[in-house]
Amino acid sequence: MKKLKNNKSIIAGLVGIILITFSCTKYTELSPEYSIDSENYFNSESDYYMALIASYDMLQASYANVILGEIASNNTLCGGESPTDVIGWQQVDDMTQTPTNSNLSDIWDWMFAGVQRTNYFMEFKDKIDFDGKEQMIGEVQFLRAYYNFELVKWFGPIPIKVNERFKLGDEQTIPRYSVSEVYEFIEEDLIAAASVLPETPAEIGRATKGAAQALLGKAYLYQKKYQESADILEQLISEGSYSLVSDYNSIFEAEGENGPGSVFEVQYTDAEGAGFECLQCSEGNVAVGFSGVRGYTGPDFSPGFSFNVPVQEAVDAFEPGDLRKGVTILDIVAWADTTGATYTTGNEHTGYFNRKYLPRKRSEDAQNDLNLTNPNNYRAIRYSDVLLMAAEAYNVGGISDAKAQEYLNQVRQRAFGDSNHDVTLTGAALTDAIYHERRVELMGEGIHFFDLVRTGRAAAEIDGFVAGKNEVFPVPLEEIDFSAGNWTQNPNY
């Protein structure tokens, strides 16, 4: 399905045992030569566990989805050093992307590498039995659903194989399944995962029943299956152990990782370095360094590349008294006046930065490239997101505005520290209030663009967005070429 390259994503797809190593080394250069091939690897519980780790590993490459998803929205500008710095991101910011955009190809390649790793596990899931395998299978199904959900959000129809790896030549025979068919497959995986996963993770960072329920609720919401979404999210809210952390600021600091308000987090570490030639090899959150303040010296933060800079309109979206504003937005001028920090400016400088995912100051013992190995976890699904999704499902689905108000106001009460800002609106006005709350609560987290698209508001809100085209991104040209006419490009690209 993919052109052979000497990178981690393709090696992981085609050579099963190297999948376990997380290395960018060419498998033809290993010495001594491996004597176990992918067809006879799964011989012990340890083998399955290592394949499970490999399935999780591609989550770290989803940093690209987060930062580029935010840049695509009306929350931020691309920024960077100059208008040609990471040109693929600049194109997405301007909605001028083409099928040759290498940064969009990264998302396609890396998410399909995740699918390939999960399919590898599932292909051999019945080879041996051991205690705990059922839970491992549930985790793999959650991860496969996660990767496929990202792919269908970004690219629309995608090829699907069930419990079997993609092989070279499949691109000429397997169709791009419709969006509804892809979602059906995602739903099946998540329902199965939720039935076997524990409520508390076996280890920090591993998927839980709640994570599967939350992603299932989101998948239903994206399809406008409001009753189904409300039902599964209500089950999670009423039976789960999640809660809103009272201190919003603590969520995005190291001490707030994997807390009671986090339903699922992508785990990052600075223990292993990486380079620009293989960004997906980094065990750190690459998006954090790219979002940092250019030329920064001062307290609390480390410097970065000044991408993903919030615009004034996004800053002004916060109501007076909203405690989330100072956590989400770093006003660099005010900060420098207060702390004596210094900085330089880059392309499209607005004076604002995404404070949630700025690189934090680290110890002098920190190793490796600090811009590429930031240990900040990505809070992929937060409990506040669950509450707001439930509110939307109840309201837009015409099920219960009272329930929608209840869950919306739980989020607002934390944001303002009181109940004086509770919403009593109903109908379409309540819908607008929920949409607004999702924007300010989740700003900087790579979600708003897809919220605008799925609710039909993108063309009116995003400069350059063309209805009937920009709801999805172009399939990489090489994939279309490899398919030899089996796949057609997304409309109007």
Protein backbone atom coordinates (compact mmCIF):
# COMPACT_ATOMS: atom_id res chain seq x y z
CA MET A 1 0.00 0.00 0.00
CA LYS A 2 2.91 2.30 0.60
CA LYS A 3 6.08 2.98 -1.26
CA LEU A 4 9.03 1.27 0.42
CA LYS A 5 11.07 3.79 2.38
CA ASN A 6 13.78 3.50 4.99
CA ASN A 7 11.65 4.94 7.76
CA LYS A 8 10.01 3.64 10.86
CA SER A 9 6.44 3.65 9.58
CA ILE A 10 7.06 1.52 6.52
CA ILE A 11 9.44 -0.92 8.18
CA ALA A 12 6.84 -1.41 10.89
CA GLY A 13 4.23 -2.25 8.28
CA LEU A 14 6.17 -4.77 6.24
CA VAL A 15 8.68 -6.40 8.57
CA GLY A 16 7.02 -7.73 11.67
CA ILE A 17 9.98 -8.32 13.93
CA ILE A 18 11.57 -4.93 13.29
CA LEU A 19 8.19 -3.51 14.28
CA ILE A 20 9.10 -4.42 17.83
CA THR A 21 12.40 -2.55 17.88
CA PHE A 22 11.08 1.00 17.28
CA SER A 23 14.22 1.68 15.25
CA CYS A 24 14.79 3.54 12.01
CA THR A 25 17.61 1.15 11.12
CA LYS A 26 17.26 -0.59 7.77
CA TYR A 27 16.42 -4.23 8.43
CA THR A 28 18.87 -5.33 5.72
CA GLU A 29 21.71 -3.91 7.82
CA LEU A 30 21.02 -5.77 11.06
CA SER A 31 23.89 -7.91 12.29
CA PRO A 32 23.60 -10.72 13.09
CA GLU A 33 20.77 -11.35 10.65
CA TYR A 34 17.45 -12.04 12.33
CA SER A 35 16.39 -15.70 12.28
CA ILE A 36 12.75 -15.10 13.26
CA ASP A 37 10.44 -13.68 10.59
CA SER A 38 7.03 -12.10 11.00
CA GLU A 39 5.17 -15.33 10.28
CA ASN A 40 6.53 -17.24 13.27
CA TYR A 41 7.06 -14.48 15.81
CA PHE A 42 4.11 -14.85 18.18
CA ASN A 43 5.27 -17.71 20.38
CA SER A 44 4.95 -16.34 23.92
CA GLU A 45 3.05 -13.85 26.04
CA SER A 46 6.13 -11.63 25.88
CA ASP A 47 5.94 -11.57 22.07
CA TYR A 48 2.32 -10.38 22.22
CA TYR A 49 3.18 -7.79 24.85
CA MET A 50 5.98 -6.37 22.72
CA ALA A 51 3.65 -6.23 19.71
CA LEU A 52 1.15 -4.38 21.91
CA ILE A 53 3.84 -1.86 22.87
CA ALA A 54 4.61 -1.39 19.19
CA SER A 55 0.93 -0.72 18.51
CA TYR A 56 0.94 2.04 21.13
CA ASP A 57 4.23 3.46 19.85
CA MET A 58 2.77 5.13 16.74
CA LEU A 59 0.54 7.27 18.96
CA GLN A 60 3.61 9.40 19.57
CA ALA A 61 3.70 10.31 15.88
CA SER A 62 0.21 11.81 16.24
CA TYR A 63 1.87 15.03 17.44
CA ALA A 64 1.62 16.04 13.76
CA ASN A 65 -2.16 15.57 13.78
CA VAL A 66 -2.49 17.81 16.83
CA ILE A 67 -0.41 20.79 15.79
CA LEU A 68 -1.50 20.71 12.14
CA GLY A 69 -5.13 20.26 13.14
CA GLU A 70 -4.87 23.41 15.25
CA ILE A 71 -3.13 25.34 12.46
CA ALA A 72 -5.93 24.34 10.07
CA SER A 73 -8.52 26.00 12.32
CA ASN A 74 -9.28 29.67 12.88
CA ASN A 75 -7.57 29.54 16.29
CA THR A 76 -4.00 30.00 15.11
CA LEU A 77 -1.69 30.97 12.28
CA CYS A 78 1.14 28.73 11.14
CA GLY A 79 3.95 31.07 12.20
CA GLY A 80 7.49 29.68 12.09
CA GLU A 81 10.63 31.46 11.01
CA SER A 82 9.41 32.58 7.58
CA PRO A 83 6.55 32.00 5.11
CA THR A 84 8.48 29.03 3.68
CA ASP A 85 9.28 27.39 7.02
CA VAL A 86 7.56 23.96 6.89
CA ILE A 87 5.75 24.87 3.70
CA GLY A 88 3.24 22.04 4.07
CA TRP A 89 1.97 23.52 7.32
CA GLN A 90 1.84 26.97 5.75
CA GLN A 91 -0.32 25.56 2.94
CA VAL A 92 -2.78 23.99 5.38
CA ASP A 93 -3.00 27.29 7.27
CA ASP A 94 -3.96 29.00 4.00
CA MET A 95 -6.12 26.07 2.79
CA THR A 96 -3.94 25.75 -0.33
CA GLN A 97 -2.75 22.19 0.31
CA THR A 98 -2.21 19.84 -2.62
CA PRO A 99 -1.78 16.06 -3.00
CA THR A 100 2.02 16.55 -2.90
CA ASN A 101 1.99 18.05 0.61
CA SER A 102 4.61 16.00 2.44
CA ASN A 103 3.29 16.88 5.91
CA LEU A 104 -0.13 15.49 5.07
CA SER A 105 1.62 12.41 3.68
CA ASP A 106 3.25 12.02 7.10
CA ILE A 107 -0.15 11.82 8.77
CA TRP A 108 -1.34 9.25 6.20
CA ASP A 109 1.83 7.15 6.53
CA TRP A 110 2.15 7.27 10.29
CA MET A 111 -1.50 6.55 11.08
CA PHE A 112 -1.52 3.68 8.59
CA ALA A 113 1.64 2.39 10.25
CA GLY A 114 -0.40 2.27 13.44
CA VAL A 115 -3.18 0.40 11.65
CA GLN A 116 -0.61 -2.00 10.20
CA ARG A 117 0.87 -2.76 13.61
CA THR A 118 -2.55 -3.46 15.14
CA ASN A 119 -3.53 -5.64 12.19
CA TYR A 120 -0.28 -7.58 12.61
CA PHE A 121 -1.24 -8.37 16.20
CA MET A 122 -4.80 -9.30 15.22
CA GLU A 123 -3.65 -11.52 12.35
CA PHE A 124 -1.93 -13.80 14.86
CA LYS A 125 -4.22 -13.21 17.87
CA ASP A 126 -5.30 -16.87 18.02
CA LYS A 127 -1.88 -18.50 17.68
CA ILE A 128 -1.44 -19.24 21.42
CA ASP A 129 -3.44 -18.68 24.59
CA PHE A 130 -2.44 -17.07 27.88
CA ASP A 131 -4.08 -15.20 30.73
CA GLY A 132 -4.72 -11.57 29.87
CA LYS A 133 -4.71 -11.94 26.09
CA GLU A 134 -8.34 -10.89 25.81
CA GLN A 135 -7.51 -7.54 27.39
CA MET A 136 -4.53 -7.09 25.06
CA ILE A 137 -6.82 -7.71 22.09
CA GLY A 138 -9.20 -5.07 23.45
CA GLU A 139 -6.36 -2.57 23.67
CA VAL A 140 -5.30 -3.32 20.11
CA GLN A 141 -8.88 -2.85 18.89
CA PHE A 142 -9.06 0.50 20.69
CA LEU A 143 -5.79 1.58 19.08
CA ARG A 144 -6.86 0.45 15.62
CA ALA A 145 -10.08 2.42 16.04
CA TYR A 146 -8.04 5.45 17.17
CA TYR A 147 -5.80 5.34 14.11
CA ASN A 148 -8.68 4.75 11.71
CA PHE A 149 -10.65 7.58 13.33
CA GLU A 150 -7.75 9.94 12.69
CA LEU A 151 -7.51 8.76 9.08
CA VAL A 152 -11.21 9.14 8.31
CA LYS A 153 -11.23 12.62 9.91
CA TRP A 154 -8.35 13.77 7.76
CA PHE A 155 -8.89 11.93 4.49
CA GLY A 156 -12.46 10.63 4.32
CA PRO A 157 -12.78 7.21 2.64
CA ILE A 158 -9.81 4.92 3.37
CA PRO A 159 -8.83 1.32 2.57
CA ILE A 160 -9.66 -1.23 5.24
CA LYS A 161 -8.33 -4.72 5.99
CA VAL A 162 -9.71 -6.69 8.91
CA ASN A 163 -7.24 -8.62 11.07
CA GLU A 164 -4.74 -8.87 8.26
CA ARG A 165 -1.76 -6.78 7.25
CA PHE A 166 -1.72 -4.69 4.11
CA LYS A 167 0.58 -6.12 1.48
CA LEU A 168 2.18 -4.55 -1.56
CA GLY A 169 -0.34 -4.68 -4.37
CA ASP A 170 -3.38 -4.30 -2.11
CA GLU A 171 -3.65 -0.68 -3.20
CA GLN A 172 -4.67 -1.91 -6.65
CA THR A 173 -7.46 -4.20 -5.42
CA ILE A 174 -8.78 -2.93 -2.08
CA PRO A 175 -11.21 0.01 -2.40
CA ARG A 176 -11.34 3.13 -0.33
CA TYR A 177 -14.32 2.28 1.85
CA SER A 178 -16.98 4.93 2.35
CA VAL A 179 -16.92 7.08 5.45
CA SER A 180 -19.97 5.29 6.85
CA GLU A 181 -18.32 1.90 6.30
CA VAL A 182 -15.13 3.07 8.03
CA TYR A 183 -17.13 4.32 10.99
CA GLU A 184 -18.98 1.00 11.17
CA PHE A 185 -15.63 -0.75 11.51
CA ILE A 186 -14.50 1.77 14.15
CA GLU A 187 -17.70 1.22 16.10
CA GLU A 188 -17.26 -2.56 16.04
CA ASP A 189 -13.71 -2.27 17.36
CA LEU A 190 -14.68 0.11 20.15
CA ILE A 191 -17.73 -1.85 21.27
CA ALA A 192 -15.58 -4.98 21.47
CA ALA A 193 -12.81 -3.08 23.29
CA ALA A 194 -15.18 -1.56 25.84
CA SER A 195 -16.54 -5.01 26.68
CA VAL A 196 -13.16 -6.36 27.82
CA LEU A 197 -11.04 -3.40 28.91
CA PRO A 198 -10.66 -2.60 32.62
CA GLU A 199 -11.90 0.61 34.21
CA THR A 200 -8.43 1.35 35.53
CA PRO A 201 -5.40 0.91 33.27
CA ALA A 202 -3.13 -2.10 33.68
CA GLU A 203 -0.26 0.38 33.41
CA ILE A 204 -0.25 4.16 33.11
CA GLY A 205 -1.11 5.13 29.57
CA ARG A 206 -2.85 1.93 28.55
CA ALA A 207 -6.40 2.05 27.22
CA THR A 208 -9.40 1.58 29.48
CA LYS A 209 -13.10 0.90 29.13
CA GLY A 210 -13.72 4.61 29.57
CA ALA A 211 -11.34 5.52 26.74
CA ALA A 212 -13.17 3.14 24.40
CA GLN A 213 -16.56 4.51 25.45
CA ALA A 214 -15.43 8.11 24.99
CA LEU A 215 -14.01 7.51 21.53
CA LEU A 216 -17.15 5.58 20.59
CA GLY A 217 -19.27 8.50 21.74
CA LYS A 218 -17.15 10.83 19.64
CA ALA A 219 -17.44 8.57 16.59
CA TYR A 220 -21.22 8.55 16.98
CA LEU A 221 -21.28 12.34 17.36
CA TYR A 222 -19.24 12.82 14.18
CA GLN A 223 -21.90 10.79 12.35
CA LYS A 224 -24.76 12.74 13.96
CA LYS A 225 -25.94 9.60 15.76
CA TYR A 226 -27.01 11.71 18.70
CA GLN A 227 -29.02 9.16 20.66
CA GLU A 228 -26.24 6.57 20.44
CA SER A 229 -23.68 9.18 21.44
CA ALA A 230 -25.75 10.39 24.39
CA ASP A 231 -26.33 6.84 25.60
CA ILE A 232 -22.70 5.72 25.65
CA LEU A 233 -21.41 9.01 27.05
CA GLU A 234 -24.08 8.99 29.75
CA GLN A 235 -22.94 5.51 30.72
CA LEU A 236 -19.36 6.77 30.97
CA ILE A 237 -20.36 9.83 33.02
CA SER A 238 -22.62 7.95 35.44
CA GLU A 239 -20.50 4.81 35.90
CA GLY A 240 -16.94 6.00 35.30
CA SER A 241 -14.49 7.32 37.86
CA TYR A 242 -13.54 10.53 36.01
CA SER A 243 -13.96 14.03 37.37
CA LEU A 244 -13.10 17.64 36.57
CA VAL A 245 -9.87 18.68 38.26
CA SER A 246 -10.63 21.89 40.13
CA ASP A 247 -7.39 23.64 39.11
CA TYR A 248 -7.52 24.01 35.32
CA ASN A 249 -3.91 25.18 35.23
CA SER A 250 -2.63 21.95 36.76
CA ILE A 251 -4.00 19.84 33.91
CA PHE A 252 -1.21 20.83 31.52
CA GLU A 253 1.67 20.69 33.95
CA ALA A 254 3.67 17.54 34.66
CA GLU A 255 1.83 16.89 37.91
CA GLY A 256 -1.48 16.92 36.04
CA GLU A 257 -0.64 14.08 33.68
CA ASN A 258 -2.89 11.00 33.78
CA GLY A 259 -5.13 12.62 36.37
CA PRO A 260 -8.83 12.02 37.11
CA GLY A 261 -9.85 14.38 34.30
CA SER A 262 -7.84 12.49 31.67
CA VAL A 263 -9.70 9.72 29.86
CA PHE A 264 -6.84 8.92 27.50
CA GLU A 265 -3.37 10.43 27.14
CA VAL A 266 -0.60 9.90 24.62
CA GLN A 267 2.50 9.29 26.72
CA TYR A 268 5.75 11.11 25.92
CA THR A 269 9.22 11.01 27.45
CA ASP A 270 12.55 12.76 26.98
CA ALA A 271 14.51 9.58 27.64
CA GLU A 272 15.29 8.94 23.98
CA GLY A 273 16.46 11.46 21.43
CA ALA A 274 15.55 11.99 17.78
CA GLY A 275 16.51 14.09 14.81
CA PHE A 276 14.79 15.99 12.03
CA GLU A 277 15.49 13.15 9.62
CA CYS A 278 13.08 10.91 11.58
CA LEU A 279 10.69 12.98 13.65
CA GLN A 280 8.33 10.06 14.13
CA CYS A 281 11.18 8.28 15.91
CA SER A 282 11.06 10.76 18.79
CA GLU A 283 9.75 9.52 22.11
CA GLY A 284 9.13 13.18 22.97
CA ASN A 285 6.27 15.47 21.95
CA VAL A 286 7.68 17.22 18.87
CA ALA A 287 4.73 19.60 18.62
CA VAL A 288 5.70 21.22 21.92
CA GLY A 289 9.09 22.41 20.71
CA PHE A 290 7.59 23.68 17.47
CA SER A 291 5.04 25.73 19.46
CA GLY A 292 7.67 27.33 21.73
CA VAL A 293 8.58 31.01 21.80
CA ARG A 294 11.39 31.81 19.36
CA GLY A 295 14.63 32.97 20.99
CA TYR A 296 13.12 32.77 24.46
CA THR A 297 15.17 33.31 27.60
CA GLY A 298 13.45 33.60 30.95
CA PRO A 299 11.57 31.63 33.61
CA ASP A 300 9.28 28.60 33.32
CA PHE A 301 9.63 27.91 29.58
CA SER A 302 12.22 26.82 27.03
CA PRO A 303 12.62 28.30 23.53
CA GLY A 304 11.10 26.84 20.39
CA PHE A 305 10.23 27.55 16.76
CA SER A 306 7.16 29.85 17.16
CA PHE A 307 4.66 27.83 15.14
CA ASN A 308 0.94 27.58 15.88
CA VAL A 309 0.47 31.14 17.15
CA PRO A 310 -3.02 32.09 18.41
CA VAL A 311 -4.83 34.95 16.70
CA GLN A 312 -6.52 37.89 18.41
CA GLU A 313 -10.01 36.66 17.56
CA ALA A 314 -9.33 33.38 19.37
CA VAL A 315 -7.98 35.22 22.41
CA ASP A 316 -11.07 37.43 22.45
CA ALA A 317 -13.33 34.35 22.43
CA PHE A 318 -12.76 33.99 26.19
CA GLU A 319 -15.36 35.78 28.29
CA PRO A 320 -14.29 38.16 31.08
CA GLY A 321 -13.47 36.19 34.21
CA ASP A 322 -12.73 32.95 32.36
CA LEU A 323 -9.81 31.40 34.26
CA ARG A 324 -8.87 29.28 31.24
CA LYS A 325 -7.60 32.23 29.23
CA GLY A 326 -4.32 32.61 31.10
CA VAL A 327 -3.73 28.87 30.98
CA THR A 328 -4.42 28.57 27.26
CA ILE A 329 -2.81 31.78 26.00
CA LEU A 330 0.64 33.16 26.79
CA ASP A 331 0.68 36.90 26.08
CA ILE A 332 4.41 37.20 25.52
CA VAL A 333 4.51 41.00 25.81
CA ALA A 334 2.76 41.01 29.19
CA TRP A 335 4.84 38.03 30.33
CA ALA A 336 8.10 39.71 29.35
CA ASP A 337 7.07 42.93 31.11
CA THR A 338 6.34 40.96 34.27
CA THR A 339 9.27 38.54 34.30
CA GLY A 340 12.01 40.24 32.29
CA ALA A 341 11.98 37.41 29.74
CA THR A 342 13.35 38.13 26.27
CA TYR A 343 12.39 36.67 22.91
CA THR A 344 12.58 37.20 19.17
CA THR A 345 9.72 37.27 16.70
CA GLY A 346 9.05 35.04 13.74
CA ASN A 347 6.67 34.82 10.82
CA GLU A 348 3.07 35.96 11.48
CA HIS A 349 3.95 36.97 15.02
CA THR A 350 0.74 37.73 16.95
CA GLY A 351 2.20 38.16 20.43
CA TYR A 352 0.41 35.03 21.63
CA PHE A 353 1.47 31.42 22.13
CA ASN A 354 -0.27 28.13 22.95
CA ARG A 355 0.60 27.97 26.64
CA LYS A 356 -0.92 24.52 27.20
CA TYR A 357 1.78 22.91 25.09
CA LEU A 358 4.73 25.25 25.46
CA PRO A 359 8.05 23.56 26.29
CA ARG A 360 8.57 23.75 30.04
CA LYS A 361 11.92 24.53 31.61
CA ARG A 362 13.77 21.30 32.29
CA SER A 363 16.65 20.33 34.51
CA GLU A 364 20.23 20.89 33.46
CA ASP A 365 20.57 17.10 33.29
CA ALA A 366 18.06 16.82 30.44
CA GLN A 367 19.58 15.09 27.44
CA ASN A 368 19.01 15.18 23.69
CA ASP A 369 17.54 17.89 21.47
CA LEU A 370 15.21 19.80 23.78
CA ASN A 371 13.04 20.90 20.87
CA LEU A 372 12.28 17.33 19.77
CA THR A 373 12.09 15.43 23.04
CA ASN A 374 9.69 17.36 25.23
CA PRO A 375 8.03 15.02 27.76
CA ASN A 376 4.64 16.79 27.76
CA ASN A 377 1.86 14.21 27.37
CA TYR A 378 -0.98 14.95 24.96
CA ARG A 379 -4.37 14.84 26.67
CA ALA A 380 -6.13 13.12 23.79
CA ILE A 381 -9.54 12.74 25.47
CA ARG A 382 -10.35 14.86 28.51
CA TYR A 383 -13.39 14.44 30.74
CA SER A 384 -14.51 17.98 29.93
CA ASP A 385 -14.61 16.94 26.26
CA VAL A 386 -16.83 14.01 27.25
CA LEU A 387 -19.21 16.33 29.14
CA LEU A 388 -19.40 18.77 26.23
CA MET A 389 -19.92 15.98 23.69
CA ALA A 390 -22.75 14.65 25.84
CA ALA A 391 -24.24 18.15 26.11
CA GLU A 392 -24.14 18.50 22.33
CA ALA A 393 -25.69 15.09 21.75
CA TYR A 394 -28.53 15.80 24.19
CA ASN A 395 -29.20 19.27 22.76
CA VAL A 396 -28.70 18.87 19.00
CA GLY A 397 -30.34 15.44 19.09
CA GLY A 398 -33.44 16.98 20.66
CA ILE A 399 -33.19 14.60 23.61
CA SER A 400 -32.90 16.83 26.68
CA ASP A 401 -31.84 20.46 26.93
CA ALA A 402 -31.87 20.11 30.71
CA LYS A 403 -29.19 17.41 30.53
CA ALA A 404 -27.25 19.50 28.04
CA GLN A 405 -27.33 22.50 30.38
CA GLU A 406 -26.22 20.34 33.32
CA TYR A 407 -23.09 19.06 31.59
CA LEU A 408 -22.26 22.37 29.94
CA ASN A 409 -22.51 24.17 33.26
CA GLN A 410 -20.26 21.69 35.03
CA VAL A 411 -17.51 22.76 32.64
CA ARG A 412 -18.34 26.46 33.00
CA GLN A 413 -18.43 26.35 36.79
CA ARG A 414 -14.84 25.18 36.84
CA ALA A 415 -13.87 27.77 34.21
CA PHE A 416 -15.23 30.70 36.23
CA GLY A 417 -15.00 29.34 39.76
CA ASP A 418 -18.69 30.00 40.43
CA SER A 419 -22.21 29.24 39.19
CA ASN A 420 -22.94 32.83 38.21
CA HIS A 421 -22.11 32.06 34.59
CA ASP A 422 -24.43 29.08 34.20
CA VAL A 423 -26.29 28.86 30.90
CA THR A 424 -30.09 28.64 30.88
CA LEU A 425 -30.52 28.82 27.11
CA THR A 426 -32.41 26.23 25.09
CA GLY A 427 -32.66 25.10 21.48
CA ALA A 428 -30.39 26.67 18.88
CA ALA A 429 -29.06 29.27 21.33
CA LEU A 430 -27.91 26.46 23.62
CA THR A 431 -26.26 24.76 20.66
CA ASP A 432 -24.24 27.90 19.96
CA ALA A 433 -23.26 28.11 23.62
CA ILE A 434 -22.02 24.50 23.57
CA TYR A 435 -20.02 25.13 20.38
CA HIS A 436 -18.47 28.21 21.96
CA GLU A 437 -17.61 26.29 25.11
CA ARG A 438 -15.92 23.53 23.13
CA ARG A 439 -13.75 26.12 21.40
CA VAL A 440 -12.47 27.83 24.54
CA GLU A 441 -12.23 24.69 26.69
CA LEU A 442 -10.30 22.70 24.06
CA MET A 443 -8.38 25.51 22.36
CA GLY A 444 -4.82 24.52 21.48
CA GLU A 445 -5.62 20.80 21.48
CA GLY A 446 -6.12 20.17 17.74
CA ILE A 447 -9.89 19.62 17.90
CA HIS A 448 -11.57 22.84 16.78
CA PHE A 449 -11.03 22.43 13.01
CA PHE A 450 -12.83 19.09 13.00
CA ASP A 451 -15.61 20.52 15.19
CA LEU A 452 -16.14 23.27 12.62
CA VAL A 453 -16.18 20.78 9.76
CA ARG A 454 -18.57 18.25 11.28
CA THR A 455 -21.03 20.99 12.33
CA GLY A 456 -20.99 22.72 8.94
CA ARG A 457 -19.46 25.97 10.18
CA ALA A 458 -15.98 25.76 8.63
CA ALA A 459 -16.63 27.69 5.42
CA ALA A 460 -17.96 30.66 7.38
CA GLU A 461 -15.19 30.63 10.00
CA ILE A 462 -11.94 29.66 8.23
CA ASP A 463 -10.34 31.95 5.65
CA GLY A 464 -9.78 30.15 2.35
CA PHE A 465 -11.97 27.16 3.24
CA VAL A 466 -13.89 25.90 0.20
CA ALA A 467 -17.09 23.98 0.90
CA GLY A 468 -17.17 20.67 -0.93
CA LYS A 469 -13.37 20.43 -0.86
CA ASN A 470 -11.67 21.31 2.39
CA GLU A 471 -13.79 19.14 4.66
CA VAL A 472 -11.10 16.54 4.05
CA PHE A 473 -7.49 16.70 2.94
CA PRO A 474 -6.01 15.26 -0.26
CA VAL A 475 -4.84 11.67 -0.38
CA PRO A 476 -1.07 11.68 -1.03
CA LEU A 477 -0.41 11.66 -4.76
CA GLU A 478 1.91 8.66 -4.58
CA GLU A 479 -0.90 6.59 -3.07
CA ILE A 480 -3.21 7.52 -5.93
CA ASP A 481 -0.46 6.70 -8.44
CA PHE A 482 0.34 3.35 -6.80
CA SER A 483 -3.34 2.36 -6.97
CA ALA A 484 -3.21 2.43 -10.79
CA GLY A 485 -6.70 3.88 -11.07
CA ASN A 486 -8.24 1.89 -8.20
CA TRP A 487 -8.47 4.98 -5.98
CA THR A 488 -9.66 8.42 -7.04
CA GLN A 489 -8.55 11.65 -5.41
CA ASN A 490 -10.81 13.49 -2.99
CA PRO A 491 -13.12 15.99 -4.76
CA ASN A 492 -11.66 19.23 -6.15
CA TYR A 493 -8.00 18.40 -5.41
